[in-house]
Amino acid sequence: MIVRRRTWLYRLSGQSFVRSISFEQPVTASKVKDALKKSVGIPLEIWGCNSSDLLTPHGR
């Protein structure tokens, strides 16, 4: 199954905290990696998330 999301979280090498990137249309992880490579660098990790994931504290 190919996951398509509008909102993705990513972390670059050397960063402790994650950042988010959003798109107008749902995209795959490979499209996210391409967009990040062009703008901020190669991501160390990426996660696709729902908009509700950003509103809910983890661990609850």
C-alpha atoms as a PDB file:
ATOM      1  CA  MET A   1       0.000   0.000   0.000  1.00  0.00           C
ATOM      2  CA  ILE A   2       1.301   3.424  -0.921  1.00  0.00           C
ATOM      3  CA  VAL A   3       0.631   6.035   1.757  1.00  0.00           C
ATOM      4  CA  ARG A   4      -0.399   9.488   0.605  1.00  0.00           C
ATOM      5  CA  ARG A   5      -0.664  12.314   3.116  1.00  0.00           C
ATOM      6  CA  ARG A   6      -0.929  16.080   2.993  1.00  0.00           C
ATOM      7  CA  THR A   7       1.085  16.630   6.179  1.00  0.00           C
ATOM      8  CA  TRP A   8       4.468  15.026   6.813  1.00  0.00           C
ATOM      9  CA  LEU A   9       6.942  15.314   9.671  1.00  0.00           C
ATOM     10  CA  TYR A  10      10.682  15.145   9.018  1.00  0.00           C
ATOM     11  CA  ARG A  11      13.988  15.356  10.816  1.00  0.00           C
ATOM     12  CA  LEU A  12      17.315  16.283   9.268  1.00  0.00           C
ATOM     13  CA  SER A  13      20.619  14.817  10.399  1.00  0.00           C
ATOM     14  CA  GLY A  14      21.823  16.517  13.576  1.00  0.00           C
ATOM     15  CA  GLN A  15      18.396  17.867  14.535  1.00  0.00           C
ATOM     16  CA  SER A  16      16.750  16.869  17.804  1.00  0.00           C
ATOM     17  CA  PHE A  17      13.241  17.993  16.934  1.00  0.00           C
ATOM     18  CA  VAL A  18      10.954  17.270  14.000  1.00  0.00           C
ATOM     19  CA  ARG A  19       9.506  19.836  11.615  1.00  0.00           C
ATOM     20  CA  SER A  20       6.442  19.613   9.436  1.00  0.00           C
ATOM     21  CA  ILE A  21       5.806  20.143   5.754  1.00  0.00           C
ATOM     22  CA  SER A  22       2.364  20.317   4.156  1.00  0.00           C
ATOM     23  CA  PHE A  23       1.134  19.989   0.595  1.00  0.00           C
ATOM     24  CA  GLU A  24      -2.102  21.055  -1.115  1.00  0.00           C
ATOM     25  CA  GLN A  25      -2.717  17.500  -2.366  1.00  0.00           C
ATOM     26  CA  PRO A  26      -1.804  14.190  -0.662  1.00  0.00           C
ATOM     27  CA  VAL A  27       1.655  13.016  -1.772  1.00  0.00           C
ATOM     28  CA  THR A  28       3.845   9.928  -1.334  1.00  0.00           C
ATOM     29  CA  ALA A  29       7.039   9.703   0.705  1.00  0.00           C
ATOM     30  CA  SER A  30       9.192   9.867  -2.432  1.00  0.00           C
ATOM     31  CA  LYS A  31       7.603  13.192  -3.435  1.00  0.00           C
ATOM     32  CA  VAL A  32       8.246  14.518   0.080  1.00  0.00           C
ATOM     33  CA  LYS A  33      11.903  13.451  -0.068  1.00  0.00           C
ATOM     34  CA  ASP A  34      12.326  15.157  -3.453  1.00  0.00           C
ATOM     35  CA  ALA A  35      10.746  18.392  -2.187  1.00  0.00           C
ATOM     36  CA  LEU A  36      12.889  18.401   0.963  1.00  0.00           C
ATOM     37  CA  LYS A  37      16.106  17.689  -0.975  1.00  0.00           C
ATOM     38  CA  LYS A  38      15.432  20.769  -3.118  1.00  0.00           C
ATOM     39  CA  SER A  39      14.562  23.042  -0.186  1.00  0.00           C
ATOM     40  CA  VAL A  40      16.316  22.065   3.077  1.00  0.00           C
ATOM     41  CA  GLY A  41      18.433  18.966   2.479  1.00  0.00           C
ATOM     42  CA  ILE A  42      18.201  15.201   2.658  1.00  0.00           C
ATOM     43  CA  PRO A  43      15.864  14.082   5.460  1.00  0.00           C
ATOM     44  CA  LEU A  44      17.104  11.519   7.959  1.00  0.00           C
ATOM     45  CA  GLU A  45      13.544  10.438   8.822  1.00  0.00           C
ATOM     46  CA  ILE A  46      10.045  11.224   7.558  1.00  0.00           C
ATOM     47  CA  TRP A  47       6.606  10.290   8.879  1.00  0.00           C
ATOM     48  CA  GLY A  48       3.233  10.688   7.238  1.00  0.00           C
ATOM     49  CA  CYS A  49       0.536  11.891   9.614  1.00  0.00           C
ATOM     50  CA  ASN A  50      -3.104  12.884   9.711  1.00  0.00           C
ATOM     51  CA  SER A  51      -4.060  16.425  10.681  1.00  0.00           C
ATOM     52  CA  SER A  52      -5.620  15.027  13.875  1.00  0.00           C
ATOM     53  CA  ASP A  53      -2.219  13.509  14.836  1.00  0.00           C
ATOM     54  CA  LEU A  54      -0.786  17.010  15.161  1.00  0.00           C
ATOM     55  CA  LEU A  55      -3.526  18.034  17.604  1.00  0.00           C
ATOM     56  CA  THR A  56      -3.257  15.030  19.933  1.00  0.00           C
ATOM     57  CA  PRO A  57      -0.320  14.787  22.374  1.00  0.00           C
ATOM     58  CA  HIS A  58       1.521  11.486  21.972  1.00  0.00           C
ATOM     59  CA  GLY A  59       1.503   9.050  24.853  1.00  0.00           C
ATOM     60  CA  ARG A  60      -2.084   9.765  25.884  1.00  0.00           C
END
